[in-house]
Amino acid sequence: MIVLQKKELVELFKRGLGLSNVDSSKSIAILKNVYSDPVIVNAAIEAAEFIGVNFYIVEVIEGVDNVHYENMIVYNNGQVLNGYNIGQSTLESVDLVFETLESATDGIN
């Protein structure tokens, strides 16, 4: 397993944004859940802030069957928006989605 430091992750996210032609005129969503690695999520946020892109953090809350999403929480500029429809429309409206979703069993051998 390769272990990267936060600084290296930020640079990779910046490079990904550049390769995707994302600049300050675009918007992105960072998709996460309770199992997402906070270092990865924070590196994506830092890269987005560096580029100056408008970004949303979309937190997915899994349903009881772990297949369907009951709810999503969207964070943007300190504002919190709740609801599946808001989360879905946010994901459909942005130019790029960084997915940091993990499951409880990710990384377990």
PDB file of N, CA and C in Angstrom:
ATOM      1  N   MET A   1       0.840  -1.164   0.000  1.00  0.00           N
ATOM      2  CA  MET A   1       0.000   0.000   0.000  1.00  0.00           C
ATOM      3  C   MET A   1       0.894   1.239   0.000  1.00  0.00           C
ATOM      4  N   ILE A   2       0.535   2.211  -0.844  1.00  0.00           N
ATOM      5  CA  ILE A   2       1.268   3.472  -0.905  1.00  0.00           C
ATOM      6  C   ILE A   2       0.624   4.444   0.075  1.00  0.00           C
ATOM      7  N   VAL A   3       1.438   5.053   0.906  1.00  0.00           N
ATOM      8  CA  VAL A   3       0.946   6.042   1.863  1.00  0.00           C
ATOM      9  C   VAL A   3       1.444   7.412   1.424  1.00  0.00           C
ATOM     10  N   LEU A   4       0.518   8.330   1.227  1.00  0.00           N
ATOM     11  CA  LEU A   4       0.859   9.682   0.806  1.00  0.00           C
ATOM     12  C   LEU A   4       0.608  10.662   1.939  1.00  0.00           C
ATOM     13  N   GLN A   5       1.440  11.661   2.013  1.00  0.00           N
ATOM     14  CA  GLN A   5       1.247  12.727   2.983  1.00  0.00           C
ATOM     15  C   GLN A   5       0.189  13.691   2.440  1.00  0.00           C
ATOM     16  N   LYS A   6      -0.407  14.501   3.323  1.00  0.00           N
ATOM     17  CA  LYS A   6      -1.459  15.425   2.911  1.00  0.00           C
ATOM     18  C   LYS A   6      -0.973  16.358   1.806  1.00  0.00           C
ATOM     19  N   LYS A   7       0.239  16.863   1.918  1.00  0.00           N
ATOM     20  CA  LYS A   7       0.771  17.783   0.913  1.00  0.00           C
ATOM     21  C   LYS A   7       0.787  17.130  -0.473  1.00  0.00           C
ATOM     22  N   GLU A   8       1.174  15.847  -0.519  1.00  0.00           N
ATOM     23  CA  GLU A   8       1.189  15.122  -1.788  1.00  0.00           C
ATOM     24  C   GLU A   8      -0.224  14.908  -2.325  1.00  0.00           C
ATOM     25  N   LEU A   9      -1.159  14.638  -1.426  1.00  0.00           N
ATOM     26  CA  LEU A   9      -2.554  14.470  -1.835  1.00  0.00           C
ATOM     27  C   LEU A   9      -3.118  15.768  -2.407  1.00  0.00           C
ATOM     28  N   VAL A  10      -2.820  16.881  -1.766  1.00  0.00           N
ATOM     29  CA  VAL A  10      -3.285  18.181  -2.257  1.00  0.00           C
ATOM     30  C   VAL A  10      -2.760  18.408  -3.665  1.00  0.00           C
ATOM     31  N   GLU A  11      -1.485  18.115  -3.887  1.00  0.00           N
ATOM     32  CA  GLU A  11      -0.889  18.301  -5.217  1.00  0.00           C
ATOM     33  C   GLU A  11      -1.561  17.399  -6.252  1.00  0.00           C
ATOM     34  N   LEU A  12      -1.888  16.165  -5.860  1.00  0.00           N
ATOM     35  CA  LEU A  12      -2.591  15.264  -6.777  1.00  0.00           C
ATOM     36  C   LEU A  12      -3.985  15.782  -7.115  1.00  0.00           C
ATOM     37  N   PHE A  13      -4.690  16.289  -6.117  1.00  0.00           N
ATOM     38  CA  PHE A  13      -6.018  16.856  -6.372  1.00  0.00           C
ATOM     39  C   PHE A  13      -5.915  18.091  -7.268  1.00  0.00           C
ATOM     40  N   LYS A  14      -4.924  18.936  -7.032  1.00  0.00           N
ATOM     41  CA  LYS A  14      -4.719  20.112  -7.888  1.00  0.00           C
ATOM     42  C   LYS A  14      -4.444  19.675  -9.329  1.00  0.00           C
ATOM     43  N   ARG A  15      -3.622  18.663  -9.458  1.00  0.00           N
ATOM     44  CA  ARG A  15      -3.315  18.154 -10.796  1.00  0.00           C
ATOM     45  C   ARG A  15      -4.559  17.592 -11.466  1.00  0.00           C
ATOM     46  N   GLY A  16      -5.365  16.872 -10.711  1.00  0.00           N
ATOM     47  CA  GLY A  16      -6.622  16.338 -11.235  1.00  0.00           C
ATOM     48  C   GLY A  16      -7.564  17.440 -11.693  1.00  0.00           C
ATOM     49  N   LEU A  17      -7.628  18.511 -10.914  1.00  0.00           N
ATOM     50  CA  LEU A  17      -8.460  19.654 -11.312  1.00  0.00           C
ATOM     51  C   LEU A  17      -7.932  20.274 -12.600  1.00  0.00           C
ATOM     52  N   GLY A  18      -6.620  20.421 -12.689  1.00  0.00           N
ATOM     53  CA  GLY A  18      -6.015  20.993 -13.889  1.00  0.00           C
ATOM     54  C   GLY A  18      -6.256  20.133 -15.115  1.00  0.00           C
ATOM     55  N   LEU A  19      -6.072  18.816 -14.981  1.00  0.00           N
ATOM     56  CA  LEU A  19      -6.294  17.903 -16.093  1.00  0.00           C
ATOM     57  C   LEU A  19      -7.761  17.875 -16.529  1.00  0.00           C
ATOM     58  N   SER A  20      -8.649  18.201 -15.617  1.00  0.00           N
ATOM     59  CA  SER A  20     -10.080  18.245 -15.921  1.00  0.00           C
ATOM     60  C   SER A  20     -10.524  19.631 -16.374  1.00  0.00           C
ATOM     61  N   ASN A  21      -9.554  20.516 -16.570  1.00  0.00           N
ATOM     62  CA  ASN A  21      -9.842  21.896 -16.997  1.00  0.00           C
ATOM     63  C   ASN A  21     -10.766  22.632 -16.041  1.00  0.00           C
ATOM     64  N   VAL A  22     -10.605  22.361 -14.759  1.00  0.00           N
ATOM     65  CA  VAL A  22     -11.398  23.037 -13.742  1.00  0.00           C
ATOM     66  C   VAL A  22     -10.611  24.244 -13.258  1.00  0.00           C
ATOM     67  N   ASP A  23     -11.249  25.407 -13.334  1.00  0.00           N
ATOM     68  CA  ASP A  23     -10.652  26.646 -12.843  1.00  0.00           C
ATOM     69  C   ASP A  23     -11.682  27.380 -11.996  1.00  0.00           C
ATOM     70  N   SER A  24     -11.397  28.620 -11.660  1.00  0.00           N
ATOM     71  CA  SER A  24     -12.277  29.363 -10.749  1.00  0.00           C
ATOM     72  C   SER A  24     -13.655  29.650 -11.335  1.00  0.00           C
ATOM     73  N   SER A  25     -13.850  29.405 -12.623  1.00  0.00           N
ATOM     74  CA  SER A  25     -15.177  29.617 -13.227  1.00  0.00           C
ATOM     75  C   SER A  25     -16.063  28.377 -13.113  1.00  0.00           C
ATOM     76  N   LYS A  26     -15.522  27.302 -12.569  1.00  0.00           N
ATOM     77  CA  LYS A  26     -16.244  26.020 -12.486  1.00  0.00           C
ATOM     78  C   LYS A  26     -16.669  25.724 -11.052  1.00  0.00           C
ATOM     79  N   SER A  27     -17.407  24.635 -10.911  1.00  0.00           N
ATOM     80  CA  SER A  27     -17.803  24.189  -9.573  1.00  0.00           C
ATOM     81  C   SER A  27     -17.586  22.684  -9.466  1.00  0.00           C
ATOM     82  N   ILE A  28     -17.298  22.242  -8.246  1.00  0.00           N
ATOM     83  CA  ILE A  28     -17.103  20.812  -7.997  1.00  0.00           C
ATOM     84  C   ILE A  28     -17.874  20.399  -6.749  1.00  0.00           C
ATOM     85  N   ALA A  29     -18.065  19.103  -6.623  1.00  0.00           N
ATOM     86  CA  ALA A  29     -18.639  18.532  -5.407  1.00  0.00           C
ATOM     87  C   ALA A  29     -17.649  17.514  -4.867  1.00  0.00           C
ATOM     88  N   ILE A  30     -17.498  17.515  -3.566  1.00  0.00           N
ATOM     89  CA  ILE A  30     -16.681  16.513  -2.880  1.00  0.00           C
ATOM     90  C   ILE A  30     -17.665  15.600  -2.169  1.00  0.00           C
ATOM     91  N   LEU A  31     -17.786  14.386  -2.669  1.00  0.00           N
ATOM     92  CA  LEU A  31     -18.757  13.421  -2.167  1.00  0.00           C
ATOM     93  C   LEU A  31     -18.090  12.606  -1.076  1.00  0.00           C
ATOM     94  N   LYS A  32     -18.709  12.567   0.105  1.00  0.00           N
ATOM     95  CA  LYS A  32     -18.109  11.858   1.239  1.00  0.00           C
ATOM     96  C   LYS A  32     -19.177  11.161   2.039  1.00  0.00           C
ATOM     97  N   ASN A  33     -18.738  10.284   2.926  1.00  0.00           N
ATOM     98  CA  ASN A  33     -19.633   9.668   3.904  1.00  0.00           C
ATOM     99  C   ASN A  33     -18.885   9.530   5.226  1.00  0.00           C
ATOM    100  N   VAL A  34     -19.482   8.893   6.183  1.00  0.00           N
ATOM    101  CA  VAL A  34     -18.909   8.797   7.520  1.00  0.00           C
ATOM    102  C   VAL A  34     -17.579   8.029   7.511  1.00  0.00           C
ATOM    103  N   TYR A  35     -17.364   7.169   6.526  1.00  0.00           N
ATOM    104  CA  TYR A  35     -16.142   6.367   6.465  1.00  0.00           C
ATOM    105  C   TYR A  35     -15.026   7.028   5.662  1.00  0.00           C
ATOM    106  N   SER A  36     -15.300   8.161   5.013  1.00  0.00           N
ATOM    107  CA  SER A  36     -14.284   8.832   4.204  1.00  0.00           C
ATOM    108  C   SER A  36     -13.101   9.250   5.069  1.00  0.00           C
ATOM    109  N   ASP A  37     -11.916   9.077   4.532  1.00  0.00           N
ATOM    110  CA  ASP A  37     -10.701   9.469   5.239  1.00  0.00           C
ATOM    111  C   ASP A  37     -10.656  10.995   5.309  1.00  0.00           C
ATOM    112  N   PRO A  38     -10.647  11.579   6.504  1.00  0.00           N
ATOM    113  CA  PRO A  38     -10.646  13.036   6.627  1.00  0.00           C
ATOM    114  C   PRO A  38      -9.429  13.699   5.984  1.00  0.00           C
ATOM    115  N   VAL A  39      -8.300  13.008   5.932  1.00  0.00           N
ATOM    116  CA  VAL A  39      -7.108  13.572   5.293  1.00  0.00           C
ATOM    117  C   VAL A  39      -7.360  13.751   3.795  1.00  0.00           C
ATOM    118  N   ILE A  40      -7.998  12.771   3.175  1.00  0.00           N
ATOM    119  CA  ILE A  40      -8.310  12.854   1.748  1.00  0.00           C
ATOM    120  C   ILE A  40      -9.337  13.951   1.488  1.00  0.00           C
ATOM    121  N   VAL A  41     -10.386  13.996   2.306  1.00  0.00           N
ATOM    122  CA  VAL A  41     -11.417  15.034   2.142  1.00  0.00           C
ATOM    123  C   VAL A  41     -10.797  16.418   2.311  1.00  0.00           C
ATOM    124  N   ASN A  42      -9.981  16.597   3.338  1.00  0.00           N
ATOM    125  CA  ASN A  42      -9.359  17.902   3.576  1.00  0.00           C
ATOM    126  C   ASN A  42      -8.388  18.281   2.466  1.00  0.00           C
ATOM    127  N   ALA A  43      -7.696  17.304   1.890  1.00  0.00           N
ATOM    128  CA  ALA A  43      -6.790  17.590   0.772  1.00  0.00           C
ATOM    129  C   ALA A  43      -7.584  18.060  -0.447  1.00  0.00           C
ATOM    130  N   ALA A  44      -8.726  17.439  -0.705  1.00  0.00           N
ATOM    131  CA  ALA A  44      -9.582  17.869  -1.822  1.00  0.00           C
ATOM    132  C   ALA A  44     -10.091  19.289  -1.596  1.00  0.00           C
ATOM    133  N   ILE A  45     -10.482  19.597  -0.358  1.00  0.00           N
ATOM    134  CA  ILE A  45     -10.954  20.946  -0.021  1.00  0.00           C
ATOM    135  C   ILE A  45      -9.838  21.961  -0.221  1.00  0.00           C
ATOM    136  N   GLU A  46      -8.647  21.631   0.268  1.00  0.00           N
ATOM    137  CA  GLU A  46      -7.516  22.552   0.147  1.00  0.00           C
ATOM    138  C   GLU A  46      -7.167  22.824  -1.320  1.00  0.00           C
ATOM    139  N   ALA A  47      -7.208  21.794  -2.147  1.00  0.00           N
ATOM    140  CA  ALA A  47      -6.928  21.964  -3.579  1.00  0.00           C
ATOM    141  C   ALA A  47      -7.995  22.845  -4.230  1.00  0.00           C
ATOM    142  N   ALA A  48      -9.257  22.620  -3.873  1.00  0.00           N
ATOM    143  CA  ALA A  48     -10.346  23.429  -4.433  1.00  0.00           C
ATOM    144  C   ALA A  48     -10.196  24.890  -4.026  1.00  0.00           C
ATOM    145  N   GLU A  49      -9.846  25.121  -2.772  1.00  0.00           N
ATOM    146  CA  GLU A  49      -9.646  26.487  -2.297  1.00  0.00           C
ATOM    147  C   GLU A  49      -8.466  27.143  -3.009  1.00  0.00           C
ATOM    148  N   PHE A  50      -7.402  26.391  -3.250  1.00  0.00           N
ATOM    149  CA  PHE A  50      -6.228  26.923  -3.928  1.00  0.00           C
ATOM    150  C   PHE A  50      -6.579  27.374  -5.353  1.00  0.00           C
ATOM    151  N   ILE A  51      -7.349  26.537  -6.057  1.00  0.00           N
ATOM    152  CA  ILE A  51      -7.747  26.850  -7.433  1.00  0.00           C
ATOM    153  C   ILE A  51      -8.760  28.000  -7.450  1.00  0.00           C
ATOM    154  N   GLY A  52      -9.532  28.125  -6.379  1.00  0.00           N
ATOM    155  CA  GLY A  52     -10.561  29.155  -6.314  1.00  0.00           C
ATOM    156  C   GLY A  52     -11.890  28.712  -6.895  1.00  0.00           C
ATOM    157  N   VAL A  53     -12.038  27.414  -7.037  1.00  0.00           N
ATOM    158  CA  VAL A  53     -13.261  26.851  -7.589  1.00  0.00           C
ATOM    159  C   VAL A  53     -14.365  26.884  -6.523  1.00  0.00           C
ATOM    160  N   ASN A  54     -15.608  27.088  -6.946  1.00  0.00           N
ATOM    161  CA  ASN A  54     -16.741  26.993  -6.037  1.00  0.00           C
ATOM    162  C   ASN A  54     -16.970  25.509  -5.757  1.00  0.00           C
ATOM    163  N   PHE A  55     -16.997  25.124  -4.481  1.00  0.00           N
ATOM    164  CA  PHE A  55     -17.166  23.705  -4.190  1.00  0.00           C
ATOM    165  C   PHE A  55     -18.229  23.463  -3.136  1.00  0.00           C
ATOM    166  N   TYR A  56     -18.806  22.294  -3.236  1.00  0.00           N
ATOM    167  CA  TYR A  56     -19.818  21.815  -2.297  1.00  0.00           C
ATOM    168  C   TYR A  56     -19.283  20.532  -1.678  1.00  0.00           C
ATOM    169  N   ILE A  57     -19.577  20.333  -0.425  1.00  0.00           N
ATOM    170  CA  ILE A  57     -19.291  19.060   0.218  1.00  0.00           C
ATOM    171  C   ILE A  57     -20.637  18.364   0.361  1.00  0.00           C
ATOM    172  N   VAL A  58     -20.758  17.214  -0.260  1.00  0.00           N
ATOM    173  CA  VAL A  58     -22.015  16.466  -0.218  1.00  0.00           C
ATOM    174  C   VAL A  58     -21.774  15.224   0.621  1.00  0.00           C
ATOM    175  N   GLU A  59     -22.379  15.212   1.805  1.00  0.00           N
ATOM    176  CA  GLU A  59     -22.222  14.068   2.704  1.00  0.00           C
ATOM    177  C   GLU A  59     -23.399  13.131   2.521  1.00  0.00           C
ATOM    178  N   VAL A  60     -23.085  11.898   2.186  1.00  0.00           N
ATOM    179  CA  VAL A  60     -24.102  10.890   1.939  1.00  0.00           C
ATOM    180  C   VAL A  60     -24.360  10.125   3.226  1.00  0.00           C
ATOM    181  N   ILE A  61     -25.616  10.032   3.587  1.00  0.00           N
ATOM    182  CA  ILE A  61     -26.009   9.259   4.767  1.00  0.00           C
ATOM    183  C   ILE A  61     -26.724   8.026   4.248  1.00  0.00           C
ATOM    184  N   GLU A  62     -26.127   6.865   4.489  1.00  0.00           N
ATOM    185  CA  GLU A  62     -26.658   5.627   3.931  1.00  0.00           C
ATOM    186  C   GLU A  62     -27.937   5.203   4.624  1.00  0.00           C
ATOM    187  N   GLY A  63     -28.809   4.568   3.838  1.00  0.00           N
ATOM    188  CA  GLY A  63     -30.055   4.030   4.369  1.00  0.00           C
ATOM    189  C   GLY A  63     -29.803   2.747   5.137  1.00  0.00           C
ATOM    190  N   VAL A  64     -30.841   2.235   5.724  1.00  0.00           N
ATOM    191  CA  VAL A  64     -30.702   1.038   6.546  1.00  0.00           C
ATOM    192  C   VAL A  64     -30.282  -0.181   5.740  1.00  0.00           C
ATOM    193  N   ASP A  65     -30.607  -0.200   4.443  1.00  0.00           N
ATOM    194  CA  ASP A  65     -30.215  -1.348   3.637  1.00  0.00           C
ATOM    195  C   ASP A  65     -28.841  -1.163   3.000  1.00  0.00           C
ATOM    196  N   ASN A  66     -28.190  -0.013   3.277  1.00  0.00           N
ATOM    197  CA  ASN A  66     -26.855   0.305   2.769  1.00  0.00           C
ATOM    198  C   ASN A  66     -26.752   0.280   1.251  1.00  0.00           C
ATOM    199  N   VAL A  67     -27.875   0.332   0.569  1.00  0.00           N
ATOM    200  CA  VAL A  67     -27.873   0.370  -0.886  1.00  0.00           C
ATOM    201  C   VAL A  67     -28.379   1.725  -1.358  1.00  0.00           C
ATOM    202  N   HIS A  68     -29.469   2.174  -0.783  1.00  0.00           N
ATOM    203  CA  HIS A  68     -30.072   3.446  -1.184  1.00  0.00           C
ATOM    204  C   HIS A  68     -29.710   4.516  -0.165  1.00  0.00           C
ATOM    205  N   TYR A  69     -29.587   5.728  -0.639  1.00  0.00           N
ATOM    206  CA  TYR A  69     -29.250   6.829   0.238  1.00  0.00           C
ATOM    207  C   TYR A  69     -30.527   7.483   0.743  1.00  0.00           C
ATOM    208  N   GLU A  70     -30.680   7.533   2.056  1.00  0.00           N
ATOM    209  CA  GLU A  70     -31.854   8.167   2.636  1.00  0.00           C
ATOM    210  C   GLU A  70     -31.755   9.678   2.577  1.00  0.00           C
ATOM    211  N   ASN A  71     -30.558  10.201   2.708  1.00  0.00           N
ATOM    212  CA  ASN A  71     -30.422  11.644   2.848  1.00  0.00           C
ATOM    213  C   ASN A  71     -29.024  12.077   2.428  1.00  0.00           C
ATOM    214  N   MET A  72     -28.933  13.328   2.059  1.00  0.00           N
ATOM    215  CA  MET A  72     -27.637  13.929   1.782  1.00  0.00           C
ATOM    216  C   MET A  72     -27.617  15.284   2.465  1.00  0.00           C
ATOM    217  N   ILE A  73     -26.459  15.657   2.963  1.00  0.00           N
ATOM    218  CA  ILE A  73     -26.278  16.976   3.550  1.00  0.00           C
ATOM    219  C   ILE A  73     -25.287  17.707   2.665  1.00  0.00           C
ATOM    220  N   VAL A  74     -25.645  18.906   2.244  1.00  0.00           N
ATOM    221  CA  VAL A  74     -24.782  19.679   1.368  1.00  0.00           C
ATOM    222  C   VAL A  74     -24.265  20.883   2.146  1.00  0.00           C
ATOM    223  N   TYR A  75     -22.944  21.074   2.118  1.00  0.00           N
ATOM    224  CA  TYR A  75     -22.304  22.209   2.772  1.00  0.00           C
ATOM    225  C   TYR A  75     -21.741  23.127   1.699  1.00  0.00           C
ATOM    226  N   ASN A  76     -22.045  24.417   1.797  1.00  0.00           N
ATOM    227  CA  ASN A  76     -21.487  25.390   0.861  1.00  0.00           C
ATOM    228  C   ASN A  76     -21.395  26.732   1.554  1.00  0.00           C
ATOM    229  N   ASN A  77     -20.178  27.256   1.642  1.00  0.00           N
ATOM    230  CA  ASN A  77     -19.946  28.570   2.261  1.00  0.00           C
ATOM    231  C   ASN A  77     -20.591  28.697   3.635  1.00  0.00           C
ATOM    232  N   GLY A  78     -20.448  27.672   4.437  1.00  0.00           N
ATOM    233  CA  GLY A  78     -20.980  27.710   5.790  1.00  0.00           C
ATOM    234  C   GLY A  78     -22.468  27.441   5.882  1.00  0.00           C
ATOM    235  N   GLN A  79     -23.128  27.272   4.751  1.00  0.00           N
ATOM    236  CA  GLN A  79     -24.563  27.003   4.741  1.00  0.00           C
ATOM    237  C   GLN A  79     -24.784  25.500   4.641  1.00  0.00           C
ATOM    238  N   VAL A  80     -25.742  24.988   5.399  1.00  0.00           N
ATOM    239  CA  VAL A  80     -26.054  23.569   5.390  1.00  0.00           C
ATOM    240  C   VAL A  80     -27.435  23.387   4.771  1.00  0.00           C
ATOM    241  N   LEU A  81     -27.493  22.526   3.764  1.00  0.00           N
ATOM    242  CA  LEU A  81     -28.753  22.223   3.088  1.00  0.00           C
ATOM    243  C   LEU A  81     -29.007  20.728   3.225  1.00  0.00           C
ATOM    244  N   ASN A  82     -30.195  20.343   3.632  1.00  0.00           N
ATOM    245  CA  ASN A  82     -30.512  18.935   3.825  1.00  0.00           C
ATOM    246  C   ASN A  82     -31.452  18.439   2.748  1.00  0.00           C
ATOM    247  N   GLY A  83     -31.340  17.174   2.450  1.00  0.00           N
ATOM    248  CA  GLY A  83     -32.310  16.538   1.590  1.00  0.00           C
ATOM    249  C   GLY A  83     -31.703  15.862   0.384  1.00  0.00           C
ATOM    250  N   TYR A  84     -32.292  14.736   0.026  1.00  0.00           N
ATOM    251  CA  TYR A  84     -31.827  13.971  -1.118  1.00  0.00           C
ATOM    252  C   TYR A  84     -31.922  14.784  -2.400  1.00  0.00           C
ATOM    253  N   ASN A  85     -33.037  15.488  -2.606  1.00  0.00           N
ATOM    254  CA  ASN A  85     -33.224  16.246  -3.842  1.00  0.00           C
ATOM    255  C   ASN A  85     -32.189  17.345  -3.990  1.00  0.00           C
ATOM    256  N   ILE A  86     -31.858  18.029  -2.905  1.00  0.00           N
ATOM    257  CA  ILE A  86     -30.835  19.077  -2.955  1.00  0.00           C
ATOM    258  C   ILE A  86     -29.478  18.452  -3.275  1.00  0.00           C
ATOM    259  N   GLY A  87     -29.163  17.354  -2.624  1.00  0.00           N
ATOM    260  CA  GLY A  87     -27.897  16.668  -2.889  1.00  0.00           C
ATOM    261  C   GLY A  87     -27.811  16.186  -4.318  1.00  0.00           C
ATOM    262  N   GLN A  88     -28.877  15.587  -4.808  1.00  0.00           N
ATOM    263  CA  GLN A  88     -28.890  15.076  -6.175  1.00  0.00           C
ATOM    264  C   GLN A  88     -28.756  16.209  -7.182  1.00  0.00           C
ATOM    265  N   SER A  89     -29.490  17.293  -6.986  1.00  0.00           N
ATOM    266  CA  SER A  89     -29.405  18.409  -7.936  1.00  0.00           C
ATOM    267  C   SER A  89     -28.030  19.076  -7.882  1.00  0.00           C
ATOM    268  N   THR A  90     -27.413  19.111  -6.712  1.00  0.00           N
ATOM    269  CA  THR A  90     -26.056  19.648  -6.603  1.00  0.00           C
ATOM    270  C   THR A  90     -25.091  18.798  -7.412  1.00  0.00           C
ATOM    271  N   LEU A  91     -25.165  17.485  -7.255  1.00  0.00           N
ATOM    272  CA  LEU A  91     -24.274  16.586  -7.988  1.00  0.00           C
ATOM    273  C   LEU A  91     -24.479  16.695  -9.497  1.00  0.00           C
ATOM    274  N   GLU A  92     -25.713  16.931  -9.921  1.00  0.00           N
ATOM    275  CA  GLU A  92     -25.996  17.062 -11.350  1.00  0.00           C
ATOM    276  C   GLU A  92     -25.539  18.401 -11.917  1.00  0.00           C
ATOM    277  N   SER A  93     -25.410  19.419 -11.070  1.00  0.00           N
ATOM    278  CA  SER A  93     -25.119  20.765 -11.578  1.00  0.00           C
ATOM    279  C   SER A  93     -23.636  21.119 -11.617  1.00  0.00           C
ATOM    280  N   VAL A  94     -22.802  20.382 -10.895  1.00  0.00           N
ATOM    281  CA  VAL A  94     -21.375  20.736 -10.842  1.00  0.00           C
ATOM    282  C   VAL A  94     -20.634  20.196 -12.062  1.00  0.00           C
ATOM    283  N   ASP A  95     -19.443  20.746 -12.281  1.00  0.00           N
ATOM    284  CA  ASP A  95     -18.627  20.340 -13.418  1.00  0.00           C
ATOM    285  C   ASP A  95     -17.814  19.072 -13.157  1.00  0.00           C
ATOM    286  N   LEU A  96     -17.543  18.775 -11.882  1.00  0.00           N
ATOM    287  CA  LEU A  96     -16.720  17.620 -11.529  1.00  0.00           C
ATOM    288  C   LEU A  96     -17.088  17.149 -10.129  1.00  0.00           C
ATOM    289  N   VAL A  97     -17.057  15.843  -9.924  1.00  0.00           N
ATOM    290  CA  VAL A  97     -17.315  15.265  -8.597  1.00  0.00           C
ATOM    291  C   VAL A  97     -16.084  14.476  -8.169  1.00  0.00           C
ATOM    292  N   PHE A  98     -15.545  14.824  -6.992  1.00  0.00           N
ATOM    293  CA  PHE A  98     -14.499  14.019  -6.361  1.00  0.00           C
ATOM    294  C   PHE A  98     -15.216  13.080  -5.400  1.00  0.00           C
ATOM    295  N   GLU A  99     -15.083  11.789  -5.611  1.00  0.00           N
ATOM    296  CA  GLU A  99     -15.743  10.829  -4.733  1.00  0.00           C
ATOM    297  C   GLU A  99     -14.750  10.297  -3.725  1.00  0.00           C
ATOM    298  N   THR A 100     -15.034  10.513  -2.450  1.00  0.00           N
ATOM    299  CA  THR A 100     -14.176   9.985  -1.379  1.00  0.00           C
ATOM    300  C   THR A 100     -14.941   8.974  -0.537  1.00  0.00           C
ATOM    301  N   LEU A 101     -16.050   8.457  -1.068  1.00  0.00           N
ATOM    302  CA  LEU A 101     -16.859   7.501  -0.329  1.00  0.00           C
ATOM    303  C   LEU A 101     -16.080   6.227  -0.041  1.00  0.00           C
ATOM    304  N   GLU A 102     -16.219   5.724   1.154  1.00  0.00           N
ATOM    305  CA  GLU A 102     -15.632   4.446   1.525  1.00  0.00           C
ATOM    306  C   GLU A 102     -16.702   3.648   2.253  1.00  0.00           C
ATOM    307  N   SER A 103     -16.475   2.367   2.368  1.00  0.00           N
ATOM    308  CA  SER A 103     -17.405   1.547   3.137  1.00  0.00           C
ATOM    309  C   SER A 103     -16.708   1.084   4.414  1.00  0.00           C
ATOM    310  N   ALA A 104     -17.485   0.526   5.291  1.00  0.00           N
ATOM    311  CA  ALA A 104     -16.938   0.068   6.572  1.00  0.00           C
ATOM    312  C   ALA A 104     -15.909  -1.046   6.361  1.00  0.00           C
ATOM    313  N   THR A 105     -15.968  -1.746   5.241  1.00  0.00           N
ATOM    314  CA  THR A 105     -15.055  -2.860   5.000  1.00  0.00           C
ATOM    315  C   THR A 105     -13.882  -2.489   4.102  1.00  0.00           C
ATOM    316  N   ASP A 106     -13.825  -1.256   3.565  1.00  0.00           N
ATOM    317  CA  ASP A 106     -12.687  -0.849   2.738  1.00  0.00           C
ATOM    318  C   ASP A 106     -11.401  -0.944   3.552  1.00  0.00           C
ATOM    319  N   GLY A 107     -10.385  -1.493   2.944  1.00  0.00           N
ATOM    320  CA  GLY A 107      -9.089  -1.575   3.590  1.00  0.00           C
ATOM    321  C   GLY A 107      -8.924  -2.773   4.511  1.00  0.00           C
ATOM    322  N   ILE A 108      -9.979  -3.552   4.686  1.00  0.00           N
ATOM    323  CA  ILE A 108      -9.891  -4.740   5.554  1.00  0.00           C
ATOM    324  C   ILE A 108      -9.576  -5.939   4.678  1.00  0.00           C
ATOM    325  N   ASN A 109      -8.526  -6.667   5.010  1.00  0.00           N
ATOM    326  CA  ASN A 109      -8.109  -7.824   4.209  1.00  0.00           C
ATOM    327  C   ASN A 109      -8.829  -9.071   4.638  1.00  0.00           C
TER     328      ASN A 109
END
